[in-house]
Amino acid sequence: MALGRARLERPSRYLVDERPLPAAEIDDEIERLRRAIELAREELGVLRDRLHGSMAREVAEFIDAHSLMLADRELTSGIYDLIRQGGYRASAALKLQRDRLVAVFEAMDDPYLRSRKEDVEQVIARVQAGLQRDSSSEERKLASRIGEILVSDTVAPAELVPLAEAGVLGVVLSSGSRVSHGAILARSLHLPMVVAAHDALGAIAENDLILINGDSGEVIVHPSSADLARFRAWQRDSLQRSRQLALLAERDTRTRDGVEIALWANAESAADVALARASGAVGIGLYRTEFLFLQRRELPDEDEQFLAYRTLVLGMGGLPVTIRTLDLGADKADNSVLMLDPEDNPALGVRGVRLSLRHPQLMRTQLRAILRASAYGPVRILVPMVCASEEMTQMRALLRECARDLRSAGHEIAEHVELGAMIEVPAAAIALPGMIRQLDFVAIGTNDLVQYTLAIDRNNDHLADLYDPLHPAVLRLLAQTITIAQRARKPVSLCGEMAGDRRYTALLLALGLTDFSMHPGVLLEVRELIATLDRGALRKHAAALLRAPTRARIEAVLARMAASAATSA
């Protein structure tokens, strides 16, 4: 939960007043626009001053670029001219100037320059928000003291880190889904988020006091004294619950019938790694490397990546670390140095291993950095978006080439670094019997496996009710993947959001899973639950789960499993 003042950011629909502007109001309208521009510049300055941490330099460059645009006479004088000479109101003049400039950038041949249209859109949007703001400086100071909650249409994953570093307490989005890339990253940052709050931009005004609950999806505007009392009670209960769970940090993870279960952690930041160690994770089951490539003007070189991976490996103190190769495509790379060409359907486009194999030098740089880090502790390499054996053959050849070159150059690297595939495409799950011999381990990525199996975009909030991990086809693919890997004596883990969702823990144990990888913040809760479950009894329900033809029948089996567990307990 989070309590704070609303900060409206870049709504997709502004109230553009297209009524003709009377001559007598021109001076007042220009002054109104001038104040909005000045407010936008002040906000950028405050944000820059509050930045800190590893991404501060890169993010500050973007902020400086936006500040320069706001000071650009060519940009601002054009808007003032539209008001003076064209009789446009400020909001309409801003929209017209934005459309003109975006058209200029879109006509450019250079992909980098063409992408700069986003800066124009963001700067104009900030000024538009300033125009609609009707708060005094005192109210803004109060909001700053209380803390802010971002309210927006959408937010790119790369924007969340600087927002968290700048002190934003939570996020409310009018679109999105709980399994989107942004939502996953928000959980990693411990940033409460509510998605698909469709009326948020219309119902919430700038500086409104709002209370949000990321678990239930509630957004309460102007909370009552009862709501505030509930928030304070949640804070007390949360603290007490954290203290109780902390007692489990040093314990092994075992089911009630004594079966040892391995709980790994997903990570993408130093804070995640520290929490994984503190929670007693057996290692890092998924380390996302995309953050090194986002919000940058140049590609990270081998040494920069090596230092990041070495810090990760040392931070885990000898426990194994699974580093996923770059899982970036046009859907995530909007603010990336890669500047990929836009794709009509990026989820089915050049991403993951496809991107790596199309840009082998990019992949060599990353593999060399990972191999160098392997000298400091056990490392595994995980390849995303695999569809066919041929892709793993090419990746293993690249890995051998990099290892040979590094040894020839005198670098110390591990004797053997395991190479595994992420099973997140139905084709990979179906073809696994023929692929398994090439793999040292398997990791199931349920977030994408569900969306590709059901042909449902997991970022599309209109289809959120159809995104169903309990679909019979999904369960059969999960069971098949787990069984094939275990029969081949290859380690298999599940690192999607299902792993950390307590609603699915008993189900996954019933399907035979023994390795879970999840956000470290929920690891202790899952350990607590596993201790109450009898794996042997759950396994007896596997056949019934896989025979069930509908979600309703699957839920009926799960209900019987829960009742049986409660009775035996």
Protein backbone atom coordinates (compact mmCIF):
# COMPACT_ATOMS: atom_id res chain seq x y z
CA MET A 1 0.00 0.00 0.00
CA ALA A 2 1.03 3.62 -0.42
CA LEU A 3 -0.38 6.98 0.66
CA GLY A 4 0.59 10.14 -1.19
CA ARG A 5 -0.31 13.09 -3.38
CA ALA A 6 -1.24 12.39 -6.98
CA ARG A 7 1.11 13.52 -9.69
CA LEU A 8 -0.52 13.33 -13.11
CA GLU A 9 2.03 12.49 -15.76
CA ARG A 10 1.67 12.36 -19.52
CA PRO A 11 -2.00 11.46 -19.86
CA SER A 12 -2.86 10.42 -23.40
CA ARG A 13 -5.84 12.74 -23.65
CA TYR A 14 -5.49 16.35 -22.50
CA LEU A 15 -8.33 18.80 -22.35
CA VAL A 16 -7.48 20.76 -25.49
CA ASP A 17 -9.57 23.92 -25.60
CA GLU A 18 -10.13 24.69 -29.28
CA ARG A 19 -12.46 27.65 -28.80
CA PRO A 20 -11.26 30.86 -30.49
CA LEU A 21 -9.28 33.08 -28.13
CA PRO A 22 -10.63 36.65 -27.80
CA ALA A 23 -7.99 39.34 -28.41
CA ALA A 24 -8.53 40.71 -24.90
CA GLU A 25 -7.40 37.40 -23.37
CA ILE A 26 -4.20 36.92 -25.38
CA ASP A 27 -1.84 38.42 -22.80
CA ASP A 28 -3.39 36.39 -19.97
CA GLU A 29 -3.14 33.19 -22.03
CA ILE A 30 0.52 33.83 -22.83
CA GLU A 31 1.24 34.42 -19.15
CA ARG A 32 -0.60 31.19 -18.30
CA LEU A 33 1.56 29.29 -20.80
CA ARG A 34 4.74 30.96 -19.50
CA ARG A 35 3.92 29.80 -15.94
CA ALA A 36 3.28 26.24 -17.17
CA ILE A 37 6.63 26.15 -18.99
CA GLU A 38 8.43 27.54 -15.94
CA LEU A 39 6.72 24.96 -13.71
CA ALA A 40 7.83 22.17 -16.07
CA ARG A 41 11.43 23.44 -15.89
CA GLU A 42 11.28 23.61 -12.09
CA GLU A 43 9.97 20.04 -11.90
CA LEU A 44 12.78 18.78 -14.11
CA GLY A 45 15.33 20.60 -11.95
CA VAL A 46 13.92 19.08 -8.77
CA LEU A 47 13.90 15.62 -10.33
CA ARG A 48 17.52 15.99 -11.43
CA ASP A 49 18.61 17.08 -7.96
CA ARG A 50 16.92 14.06 -6.38
CA LEU A 51 18.52 11.51 -8.68
CA HIS A 52 21.17 9.21 -7.27
CA GLY A 53 22.47 5.73 -7.79
CA SER A 54 23.85 3.83 -10.76
CA MET A 55 21.49 5.26 -13.39
CA ALA A 56 21.71 8.90 -12.29
CA ARG A 57 24.16 9.93 -15.00
CA GLU A 58 22.21 8.44 -17.89
CA VAL A 59 18.83 9.70 -16.65
CA ALA A 60 20.23 13.16 -15.95
CA GLU A 61 21.20 13.42 -19.63
CA PHE A 62 17.58 12.93 -20.65
CA ILE A 63 16.40 15.48 -18.10
CA ASP A 64 18.95 18.00 -19.32
CA ALA A 65 17.84 17.44 -22.90
CA HIS A 66 14.23 18.15 -21.93
CA SER A 67 15.27 21.27 -20.00
CA LEU A 68 17.14 22.56 -23.06
CA MET A 69 14.08 22.00 -25.21
CA LEU A 70 11.95 24.03 -22.80
CA ALA A 71 14.52 26.84 -23.08
CA ASP A 72 14.64 26.59 -26.90
CA ARG A 73 13.25 29.83 -28.36
CA GLU A 74 12.38 28.07 -31.62
CA LEU A 75 10.08 25.73 -29.75
CA THR A 76 8.49 28.24 -27.38
CA SER A 77 8.28 31.23 -29.73
CA GLY A 78 6.35 29.11 -32.20
CA ILE A 79 3.78 28.34 -29.52
CA TYR A 80 3.53 32.00 -28.46
CA ASP A 81 3.06 33.01 -32.12
CA LEU A 82 0.17 30.58 -32.48
CA ILE A 83 -1.53 32.29 -29.53
CA ARG A 84 -0.77 35.88 -30.63
CA GLN A 85 -1.33 35.55 -34.36
CA GLY A 86 -3.55 32.51 -34.70
CA GLY A 87 -5.87 33.09 -31.78
CA TYR A 88 -5.22 29.63 -30.36
CA ARG A 89 -5.58 28.88 -26.67
CA ALA A 90 -2.45 27.55 -24.97
CA SER A 91 -3.47 23.86 -24.92
CA ALA A 92 -4.42 23.91 -28.62
CA ALA A 93 -1.20 25.77 -29.55
CA LEU A 94 0.86 23.16 -27.69
CA LYS A 95 -0.90 20.32 -29.50
CA LEU A 96 -0.42 21.97 -32.91
CA GLN A 97 3.28 22.64 -32.26
CA ARG A 98 3.74 19.07 -31.05
CA ASP A 99 2.11 17.66 -34.22
CA ARG A 100 4.31 19.85 -36.43
CA LEU A 101 7.57 18.85 -34.75
CA VAL A 102 6.70 15.15 -34.54
CA ALA A 103 5.97 15.17 -38.28
CA VAL A 104 9.42 16.67 -38.92
CA PHE A 105 11.18 13.99 -36.84
CA GLU A 106 9.13 11.15 -38.35
CA ALA A 107 10.25 12.22 -41.83
CA MET A 108 13.94 11.81 -40.94
CA ASP A 109 15.87 8.83 -42.30
CA ASP A 110 18.20 8.42 -39.33
CA PRO A 111 16.58 6.04 -36.75
CA TYR A 112 18.18 7.82 -33.81
CA LEU A 113 16.99 11.27 -34.88
CA ARG A 114 13.57 9.85 -35.75
CA SER A 115 13.25 8.47 -32.25
CA ARG A 116 13.78 11.95 -30.76
CA LYS A 117 10.11 12.69 -31.46
CA GLU A 118 9.50 11.01 -28.10
CA ASP A 119 11.41 13.80 -26.36
CA VAL A 120 9.16 16.37 -28.05
CA GLU A 121 6.05 14.47 -26.97
CA GLN A 122 7.28 14.17 -23.39
CA VAL A 123 8.22 17.85 -23.10
CA ILE A 124 4.91 19.06 -24.55
CA ALA A 125 3.04 16.62 -22.30
CA ARG A 126 4.77 18.01 -19.22
CA VAL A 127 3.74 21.56 -20.15
CA GLN A 128 0.19 20.41 -20.89
CA ALA A 129 0.05 18.90 -17.41
CA GLY A 130 1.26 22.22 -16.00
CA LEU A 131 -1.55 24.06 -17.79
CA GLN A 132 -4.17 21.81 -16.21
CA ARG A 133 -2.66 22.09 -12.77
CA ASP A 134 -4.61 24.28 -10.39
CA SER A 135 -2.56 24.06 -7.23
CA SER A 136 -0.70 26.68 -5.29
CA SER A 137 3.01 26.56 -4.53
CA GLU A 138 2.12 25.78 -0.91
CA GLU A 139 0.12 22.72 -2.00
CA ARG A 140 3.04 21.57 -4.13
CA LYS A 141 5.38 21.92 -1.17
CA LEU A 142 2.96 19.86 0.94
CA ALA A 143 2.80 17.19 -1.78
CA SER A 144 6.58 17.08 -1.84
CA ARG A 145 6.72 16.51 1.92
CA ILE A 146 4.07 13.81 1.90
CA GLY A 147 5.43 12.04 -1.18
CA GLU A 148 3.96 11.47 -4.61
CA ILE A 149 2.10 8.72 -6.41
CA LEU A 150 2.42 8.77 -10.20
CA VAL A 151 -0.88 8.63 -12.11
CA SER A 152 -0.45 8.03 -15.82
CA ASP A 153 -1.70 6.22 -18.91
CA THR A 154 1.37 4.03 -19.07
CA VAL A 155 4.97 3.98 -17.96
CA ALA A 156 7.92 2.35 -19.71
CA PRO A 157 9.88 -0.19 -17.63
CA ALA A 158 13.04 1.93 -18.08
CA GLU A 159 11.30 4.92 -16.45
CA LEU A 160 10.49 3.10 -13.21
CA VAL A 161 14.03 3.04 -11.82
CA PRO A 162 14.53 6.83 -11.93
CA LEU A 163 11.01 7.31 -10.55
CA ALA A 164 11.78 5.06 -7.58
CA GLU A 165 15.14 6.77 -7.07
CA ALA A 166 13.38 10.13 -7.15
CA GLY A 167 11.14 9.06 -4.26
CA VAL A 168 7.85 8.22 -5.99
CA LEU A 169 5.83 6.09 -3.53
CA GLY A 170 3.58 4.23 -5.96
CA VAL A 171 2.11 4.13 -9.45
CA VAL A 172 -1.45 4.12 -10.81
CA LEU A 173 -1.88 3.33 -14.52
CA SER A 174 -5.05 3.57 -16.57
CA SER A 175 -3.81 0.69 -18.75
CA GLY A 176 -1.51 -2.32 -18.43
CA SER A 177 -1.66 -5.70 -16.70
CA ARG A 178 -0.21 -7.25 -13.54
CA VAL A 179 2.12 -9.49 -15.60
CA SER A 180 3.47 -6.71 -17.83
CA HIS A 181 7.21 -5.99 -17.83
CA GLY A 182 6.56 -2.74 -15.94
CA ALA A 183 4.52 -4.46 -13.22
CA ILE A 184 7.21 -7.09 -12.72
CA LEU A 185 9.89 -4.42 -12.40
CA ALA A 186 7.70 -2.42 -9.98
CA ARG A 187 7.54 -5.45 -7.69
CA SER A 188 11.30 -5.74 -7.92
CA LEU A 189 11.60 -2.10 -6.84
CA HIS A 190 9.06 -2.61 -4.00
CA LEU A 191 6.92 0.04 -5.67
CA PRO A 192 3.15 -0.43 -5.14
CA MET A 193 1.36 -0.35 -8.50
CA VAL A 194 -2.27 -0.48 -9.60
CA VAL A 195 -2.89 -1.21 -13.28
CA ALA A 196 -5.94 -0.97 -15.57
CA ALA A 197 -7.53 1.78 -13.44
CA HIS A 198 -9.38 3.03 -16.51
CA ASP A 199 -10.94 6.16 -15.01
CA ALA A 200 -7.90 7.27 -13.03
CA LEU A 201 -6.92 10.22 -15.21
CA GLY A 202 -10.45 11.57 -15.18
CA ALA A 203 -11.24 10.90 -11.53
CA ILE A 204 -7.96 12.03 -9.96
CA ALA A 205 -6.73 15.63 -9.99
CA GLU A 206 -3.19 16.88 -9.49
CA ASN A 207 -2.20 16.86 -5.78
CA ASP A 208 -5.25 14.87 -4.68
CA LEU A 209 -4.47 12.74 -1.64
CA ILE A 210 -4.83 9.10 -2.71
CA LEU A 211 -4.40 5.71 -1.04
CA ILE A 212 -3.51 2.74 -3.25
CA ASN A 213 -3.42 -0.99 -2.58
CA GLY A 214 -1.35 -2.95 -5.07
CA ASP A 215 -2.70 -6.30 -3.82
CA SER A 216 -6.40 -5.53 -4.18
CA GLY A 217 -6.16 -2.96 -6.98
CA GLU A 218 -7.91 -0.27 -4.92
CA VAL A 219 -7.37 3.45 -5.52
CA ILE A 220 -9.09 5.65 -2.93
CA VAL A 221 -9.25 9.38 -3.69
CA HIS A 222 -9.45 11.65 -0.63
CA PRO A 223 -9.31 8.74 1.86
CA SER A 224 -11.50 9.04 4.92
CA SER A 225 -10.30 8.79 8.50
CA ALA A 226 -11.37 5.13 8.43
CA ASP A 227 -9.27 4.54 5.31
CA LEU A 228 -6.26 6.21 6.95
CA ALA A 229 -6.75 4.11 10.07
CA ARG A 230 -6.80 1.00 7.87
CA PHE A 231 -3.54 2.14 6.22
CA ARG A 232 -1.86 2.65 9.60
CA ALA A 233 -3.07 -0.78 10.71
CA TRP A 234 -1.65 -2.28 7.51
CA GLN A 235 1.70 -0.62 8.24
CA ARG A 236 1.77 -2.11 11.75
CA ASP A 237 0.67 -5.56 10.54
CA SER A 238 3.16 -5.48 7.70
CA LEU A 239 6.01 -4.72 10.08
CA GLN A 240 4.95 -7.50 12.46
CA ARG A 241 4.54 -9.94 9.54
CA SER A 242 8.02 -9.06 8.25
CA ARG A 243 9.52 -9.83 11.66
CA GLN A 244 7.75 -13.21 11.75
CA LEU A 245 8.91 -14.15 8.25
CA ALA A 246 12.47 -13.06 9.01
CA LEU A 247 12.67 -16.01 11.41
CA LEU A 248 12.40 -18.34 8.40
CA ALA A 249 15.43 -16.88 6.60
CA GLU A 250 17.89 -19.41 7.99
CA ARG A 251 15.66 -22.45 7.55
CA ASP A 252 15.69 -25.01 4.75
CA THR A 253 12.68 -25.22 2.48
CA ARG A 254 10.97 -28.56 3.04
CA THR A 255 7.45 -29.83 2.55
CA ARG A 256 5.59 -31.33 5.48
CA ASP A 257 6.59 -34.82 4.30
CA GLY A 258 10.27 -33.85 4.24
CA VAL A 259 10.88 -33.21 0.52
CA GLU A 260 13.52 -30.53 -0.03
CA ILE A 261 12.44 -27.71 -2.34
CA ALA A 262 14.88 -25.19 -3.84
CA LEU A 263 13.80 -21.54 -3.73
CA TRP A 264 15.80 -19.33 -6.10
CA ALA A 265 15.50 -15.56 -6.52
CA ASN A 266 14.81 -13.43 -9.58
CA ALA A 267 16.89 -10.25 -9.56
CA GLU A 268 17.89 -7.21 -11.57
CA SER A 269 19.35 -4.87 -8.96
CA ALA A 270 21.80 -4.85 -6.06
CA ALA A 271 18.85 -4.54 -3.66
CA ASP A 272 17.32 -7.73 -5.08
CA VAL A 273 20.61 -9.58 -4.61
CA ALA A 274 20.95 -8.41 -1.01
CA LEU A 275 17.36 -9.42 -0.25
CA ALA A 276 17.93 -12.83 -1.88
CA ARG A 277 20.90 -13.47 0.42
CA ALA A 278 18.98 -12.24 3.47
CA SER A 279 16.00 -14.47 2.63
CA GLY A 280 18.06 -17.63 2.26
CA ALA A 281 17.68 -18.15 -1.49
CA VAL A 282 19.74 -21.06 -2.84
CA GLY A 283 20.96 -18.82 -5.66
CA ILE A 284 19.82 -16.45 -8.39
CA GLY A 285 17.56 -18.35 -10.77
CA LEU A 286 17.09 -15.42 -13.16
CA TYR A 287 19.18 -12.27 -13.41
CA ARG A 288 17.82 -9.82 -15.97
CA THR A 289 20.53 -7.88 -17.83
CA GLU A 290 18.30 -5.45 -19.74
CA PHE A 291 18.85 -2.62 -17.25
CA LEU A 292 22.42 -2.28 -18.57
CA PHE A 293 21.09 -1.44 -22.03
CA LEU A 294 18.13 0.83 -21.24
CA GLN A 295 18.19 4.63 -20.98
CA ARG A 296 21.62 4.90 -22.59
CA ARG A 297 23.32 6.69 -25.47
CA GLU A 298 25.94 3.99 -26.09
CA LEU A 299 26.18 0.24 -25.70
CA PRO A 300 27.76 -1.01 -22.47
CA ASP A 301 31.20 -2.38 -23.31
CA GLU A 302 32.68 -5.66 -22.12
CA ASP A 303 34.41 -4.17 -19.08
CA GLU A 304 31.28 -2.38 -17.85
CA GLN A 305 29.22 -5.55 -18.17
CA PHE A 306 31.96 -7.63 -16.54
CA LEU A 307 32.05 -5.34 -13.50
CA ALA A 308 28.26 -5.55 -13.13
CA TYR A 309 28.24 -9.35 -13.37
CA ARG A 310 31.26 -9.72 -11.08
CA THR A 311 29.50 -7.57 -8.45
CA LEU A 312 26.48 -9.85 -8.77
CA VAL A 313 28.51 -13.05 -8.42
CA LEU A 314 30.49 -11.74 -5.44
CA GLY A 315 27.27 -10.49 -3.85
CA MET A 316 25.89 -14.05 -3.78
CA GLY A 317 28.94 -15.31 -1.85
CA GLY A 318 29.53 -18.55 -3.74
CA LEU A 319 25.89 -19.42 -4.44
CA PRO A 320 25.06 -20.09 -8.12
CA VAL A 321 23.95 -17.21 -10.32
CA THR A 322 21.88 -17.62 -13.51
CA ILE A 323 22.44 -14.71 -15.90
CA ARG A 324 19.92 -14.36 -18.71
CA THR A 325 21.33 -13.04 -21.96
CA LEU A 326 19.81 -9.87 -23.33
CA ASP A 327 16.03 -10.22 -23.59
CA LEU A 328 15.28 -7.03 -25.42
CA GLY A 329 13.06 -6.31 -28.38
CA ALA A 330 11.20 -3.42 -29.95
CA ASP A 331 8.61 -3.55 -27.16
CA LYS A 332 11.22 -2.72 -24.49
CA ALA A 333 13.86 -0.89 -26.51
CA ASP A 334 12.08 2.44 -27.04
CA ASN A 335 14.64 4.21 -24.86
CA SER A 336 17.53 1.92 -25.68
CA VAL A 337 20.72 2.59 -27.59
CA LEU A 338 19.87 -0.37 -29.84
CA MET A 339 17.24 1.74 -31.64
CA LEU A 340 15.48 -1.25 -33.14
CA ASP A 341 13.12 -0.67 -36.02
CA PRO A 342 9.48 -0.50 -34.92
CA GLU A 343 7.61 -3.78 -35.35
CA ASP A 344 3.88 -4.30 -35.87
CA ASN A 345 3.92 -7.06 -33.27
CA PRO A 346 7.12 -6.85 -31.19
CA ALA A 347 6.10 -9.71 -28.89
CA LEU A 348 6.45 -11.98 -31.93
CA GLY A 349 9.40 -10.13 -33.42
CA VAL A 350 13.16 -9.78 -33.16
CA ARG A 351 13.76 -10.29 -29.46
CA GLY A 352 15.64 -12.58 -27.08
CA VAL A 353 17.89 -15.12 -28.79
CA ARG A 354 16.70 -13.88 -32.19
CA LEU A 355 18.20 -10.47 -31.54
CA SER A 356 21.38 -12.03 -30.16
CA LEU A 357 21.97 -14.20 -33.22
CA ARG A 358 21.27 -11.32 -35.62
CA HIS A 359 23.84 -9.22 -33.76
CA PRO A 360 26.57 -11.76 -32.89
CA GLN A 361 29.11 -9.10 -31.86
CA LEU A 362 26.63 -7.77 -29.29
CA MET A 363 26.24 -11.32 -28.00
CA ARG A 364 29.99 -11.99 -27.96
CA THR A 365 30.54 -8.91 -25.79
CA GLN A 366 27.96 -10.09 -23.28
CA LEU A 367 29.13 -13.71 -23.25
CA ARG A 368 32.76 -12.65 -22.75
CA ALA A 369 31.75 -10.44 -19.81
CA ILE A 370 29.75 -13.27 -18.21
CA LEU A 371 32.57 -15.77 -18.71
CA ARG A 372 35.07 -13.40 -17.08
CA ALA A 373 32.73 -13.04 -14.10
CA SER A 374 32.59 -16.86 -13.81
CA ALA A 375 36.10 -16.76 -12.33
CA TYR A 376 34.57 -15.29 -9.15
CA GLY A 377 31.83 -17.83 -8.48
CA PRO A 378 29.43 -20.35 -10.05
CA VAL A 379 27.61 -18.90 -13.07
CA ARG A 380 24.98 -20.31 -15.44
CA ILE A 381 23.88 -18.70 -18.73
CA LEU A 382 20.19 -18.70 -19.65
CA VAL A 383 19.04 -18.04 -23.23
CA PRO A 384 15.57 -16.47 -23.67
CA MET A 385 12.94 -16.92 -26.40
CA VAL A 386 14.37 -20.22 -27.67
CA CYS A 387 12.24 -21.98 -30.29
CA ALA A 388 14.53 -24.55 -31.91
CA SER A 389 17.60 -26.71 -31.30
CA GLU A 390 19.50 -24.82 -34.00
CA GLU A 391 19.42 -21.65 -31.90
CA MET A 392 21.05 -23.41 -28.96
CA THR A 393 23.62 -24.96 -31.29
CA GLN A 394 24.61 -21.48 -32.48
CA MET A 395 24.67 -20.08 -28.94
CA ARG A 396 26.88 -22.92 -27.71
CA ALA A 397 29.25 -22.35 -30.62
CA LEU A 398 29.47 -18.65 -29.72
CA LEU A 399 30.08 -19.55 -26.08
CA ARG A 400 32.93 -21.94 -26.98
CA GLU A 401 34.48 -19.31 -29.28
CA CYS A 402 34.39 -16.68 -26.54
CA ALA A 403 35.83 -19.07 -23.96
CA ARG A 404 38.67 -20.06 -26.30
CA ASP A 405 39.54 -16.43 -27.08
CA LEU A 406 39.48 -15.40 -23.42
CA ARG A 407 41.76 -18.24 -22.36
CA SER A 408 44.14 -17.40 -25.22
CA ALA A 409 44.24 -13.80 -23.99
CA GLY A 410 45.15 -14.93 -20.47
CA HIS A 411 41.79 -14.40 -18.76
CA GLU A 412 40.82 -16.79 -16.00
CA ILE A 413 37.35 -18.25 -16.47
CA ALA A 414 35.47 -21.22 -15.05
CA GLU A 415 36.28 -24.63 -16.50
CA HIS A 416 32.61 -25.15 -17.40
CA VAL A 417 29.72 -22.68 -17.52
CA GLU A 418 26.30 -24.28 -17.87
CA LEU A 419 24.09 -23.17 -20.76
CA GLY A 420 20.31 -23.45 -20.47
CA ALA A 421 17.18 -22.46 -22.36
CA MET A 422 14.13 -20.57 -21.24
CA ILE A 423 11.02 -22.51 -22.18
CA GLU A 424 8.54 -19.72 -22.83
CA VAL A 425 7.42 -20.51 -26.38
CA PRO A 426 5.07 -23.48 -26.94
CA ALA A 427 7.30 -24.70 -29.80
CA ALA A 428 10.21 -25.07 -27.36
CA ALA A 429 8.08 -27.01 -24.88
CA ILE A 430 6.82 -29.35 -27.62
CA ALA A 431 10.29 -29.79 -29.18
CA LEU A 432 12.05 -30.24 -25.82
CA PRO A 433 12.55 -34.04 -26.17
CA GLY A 434 14.84 -33.42 -29.15
CA MET A 435 16.51 -30.37 -27.59
CA ILE A 436 17.12 -31.54 -24.05
CA ARG A 437 20.48 -33.20 -24.85
CA GLN A 438 21.92 -29.78 -25.78
CA LEU A 439 20.89 -28.17 -22.49
CA ASP A 440 22.57 -28.21 -19.11
CA PHE A 441 19.40 -26.95 -17.42
CA VAL A 442 15.89 -25.69 -18.18
CA ALA A 443 14.00 -22.64 -16.88
CA ILE A 444 10.28 -22.23 -17.56
CA GLY A 445 9.15 -18.65 -18.19
CA THR A 446 5.43 -18.79 -17.53
CA ASN A 447 4.73 -15.10 -18.18
CA ASP A 448 5.39 -15.51 -21.89
CA LEU A 449 4.45 -19.19 -22.09
CA VAL A 450 0.89 -18.31 -21.05
CA GLN A 451 0.59 -15.42 -23.49
CA TYR A 452 1.99 -17.36 -26.45
CA THR A 453 -0.03 -20.50 -25.71
CA LEU A 454 -3.28 -18.54 -25.45
CA ALA A 455 -2.42 -15.93 -28.13
CA ILE A 456 -3.10 -13.17 -25.58
CA ASP A 457 -0.95 -10.06 -25.24
CA ARG A 458 -0.16 -9.94 -21.52
CA ASN A 459 0.22 -6.15 -21.70
CA ASN A 460 -3.31 -5.69 -23.08
CA ASP A 461 -5.61 -4.87 -20.17
CA HIS A 462 -8.69 -5.57 -22.32
CA LEU A 463 -7.65 -9.24 -22.38
CA ALA A 464 -6.57 -9.48 -18.75
CA ASP A 465 -9.49 -11.73 -17.85
CA LEU A 466 -8.43 -14.22 -20.56
CA TYR A 467 -4.79 -14.42 -19.42
CA ASP A 468 -5.14 -17.66 -17.49
CA PRO A 469 -2.27 -19.74 -16.05
CA LEU A 470 -4.87 -22.40 -15.17
CA HIS A 471 -5.84 -23.07 -18.79
CA PRO A 472 -5.65 -26.84 -19.44
CA ALA A 473 -3.17 -26.34 -22.32
CA VAL A 474 -0.82 -24.35 -20.08
CA LEU A 475 -0.85 -26.99 -17.33
CA ARG A 476 -0.10 -29.76 -19.82
CA LEU A 477 2.86 -27.86 -21.27
CA LEU A 478 4.19 -27.22 -17.76
CA ALA A 479 3.84 -30.85 -16.73
CA GLN A 480 5.40 -32.08 -19.98
CA THR A 481 8.40 -29.75 -19.63
CA ILE A 482 9.02 -30.70 -16.00
CA THR A 483 8.73 -34.43 -16.75
CA ILE A 484 11.04 -34.38 -19.80
CA ALA A 485 13.75 -32.44 -17.95
CA GLN A 486 13.58 -34.65 -14.88
CA ARG A 487 13.72 -37.85 -16.92
CA ALA A 488 16.82 -36.50 -18.67
CA ARG A 489 18.26 -35.65 -15.22
CA LYS A 490 18.49 -31.97 -16.13
CA PRO A 491 17.65 -29.33 -13.48
CA VAL A 492 14.36 -27.58 -14.20
CA SER A 493 13.04 -24.45 -12.49
CA LEU A 494 10.08 -22.15 -13.00
CA CYS A 495 10.95 -18.45 -12.94
CA GLY A 496 7.72 -16.77 -14.05
CA GLU A 497 5.31 -14.92 -11.80
CA MET A 498 3.50 -18.18 -11.02
CA ALA A 499 6.48 -19.30 -8.93
CA GLY A 500 6.01 -16.54 -6.36
CA ASP A 501 2.20 -16.60 -6.35
CA ARG A 502 1.00 -18.64 -3.37
CA ARG A 503 -2.21 -19.50 -5.23
CA TYR A 504 -0.19 -21.80 -7.50
CA THR A 505 2.34 -23.30 -5.07
CA ALA A 506 0.38 -26.50 -4.35
CA LEU A 507 -0.45 -26.89 -8.04
CA LEU A 508 3.21 -26.66 -9.10
CA LEU A 509 4.25 -29.15 -6.43
CA ALA A 510 1.55 -31.50 -7.69
CA LEU A 511 2.98 -31.23 -11.22
CA GLY A 512 6.39 -32.29 -9.89
CA LEU A 513 8.24 -28.98 -9.67
CA THR A 514 10.96 -28.81 -7.03
CA ASP A 515 12.81 -25.60 -8.06
CA PHE A 516 11.00 -22.25 -7.85
CA SER A 517 12.54 -18.88 -8.78
CA MET A 518 10.72 -15.75 -7.65
CA HIS A 519 11.07 -12.18 -6.51
CA PRO A 520 13.03 -12.34 -3.23
CA GLY A 521 10.40 -10.24 -1.49
CA VAL A 522 7.92 -13.16 -1.53
CA LEU A 523 10.39 -15.99 -0.97
CA LEU A 524 9.83 -16.30 2.78
CA GLU A 525 6.04 -16.38 2.35
CA VAL A 526 6.33 -19.23 -0.15
CA ARG A 527 8.77 -21.08 2.18
CA GLU A 528 6.23 -20.75 5.00
CA LEU A 529 3.45 -22.18 2.82
CA ILE A 530 5.53 -25.10 1.48
CA ALA A 531 6.22 -26.25 5.03
CA THR A 532 2.47 -26.87 5.44
CA LEU A 533 2.06 -28.95 2.25
CA ASP A 534 2.46 -32.68 1.73
CA ARG A 535 4.11 -33.15 -1.68
CA GLY A 536 3.40 -36.87 -1.83
CA ALA A 537 -0.31 -36.28 -1.29
CA LEU A 538 -0.37 -33.45 -3.84
CA ARG A 539 1.33 -35.58 -6.51
CA LYS A 540 -1.61 -38.00 -6.37
CA HIS A 541 -3.80 -35.27 -7.87
CA ALA A 542 -1.54 -34.62 -10.89
CA ALA A 543 -3.40 -36.98 -13.23
CA ALA A 544 -6.77 -35.43 -12.35
CA LEU A 545 -5.38 -31.92 -12.96
CA LEU A 546 -4.06 -32.88 -16.40
CA ARG A 547 -7.27 -34.70 -17.39
CA ALA A 548 -9.48 -31.74 -16.46
CA PRO A 549 -10.93 -30.27 -19.70
CA THR A 550 -11.86 -26.83 -18.33
CA ARG A 551 -10.66 -24.25 -15.85
CA ALA A 552 -13.70 -24.96 -13.69
CA ARG A 553 -12.76 -28.64 -13.42
CA ILE A 554 -9.16 -27.70 -12.61
CA GLU A 555 -10.38 -25.40 -9.84
CA ALA A 556 -12.52 -28.24 -8.50
CA VAL A 557 -9.44 -30.47 -8.26
CA LEU A 558 -7.51 -27.65 -6.56
CA ALA A 559 -10.35 -27.26 -4.07
CA ARG A 560 -10.17 -30.98 -3.25
CA MET A 561 -6.41 -30.66 -2.82
CA ALA A 562 -6.88 -27.74 -0.39
CA ALA A 563 -9.54 -29.59 1.57
CA SER A 564 -7.38 -32.71 1.79
CA ALA A 565 -4.38 -30.65 2.97
CA ALA A 566 -6.48 -28.92 5.64
CA THR A 567 -7.85 -32.24 6.91
CA SER A 568 -4.44 -33.92 7.10
CA ALA A 569 -2.95 -30.85 8.81
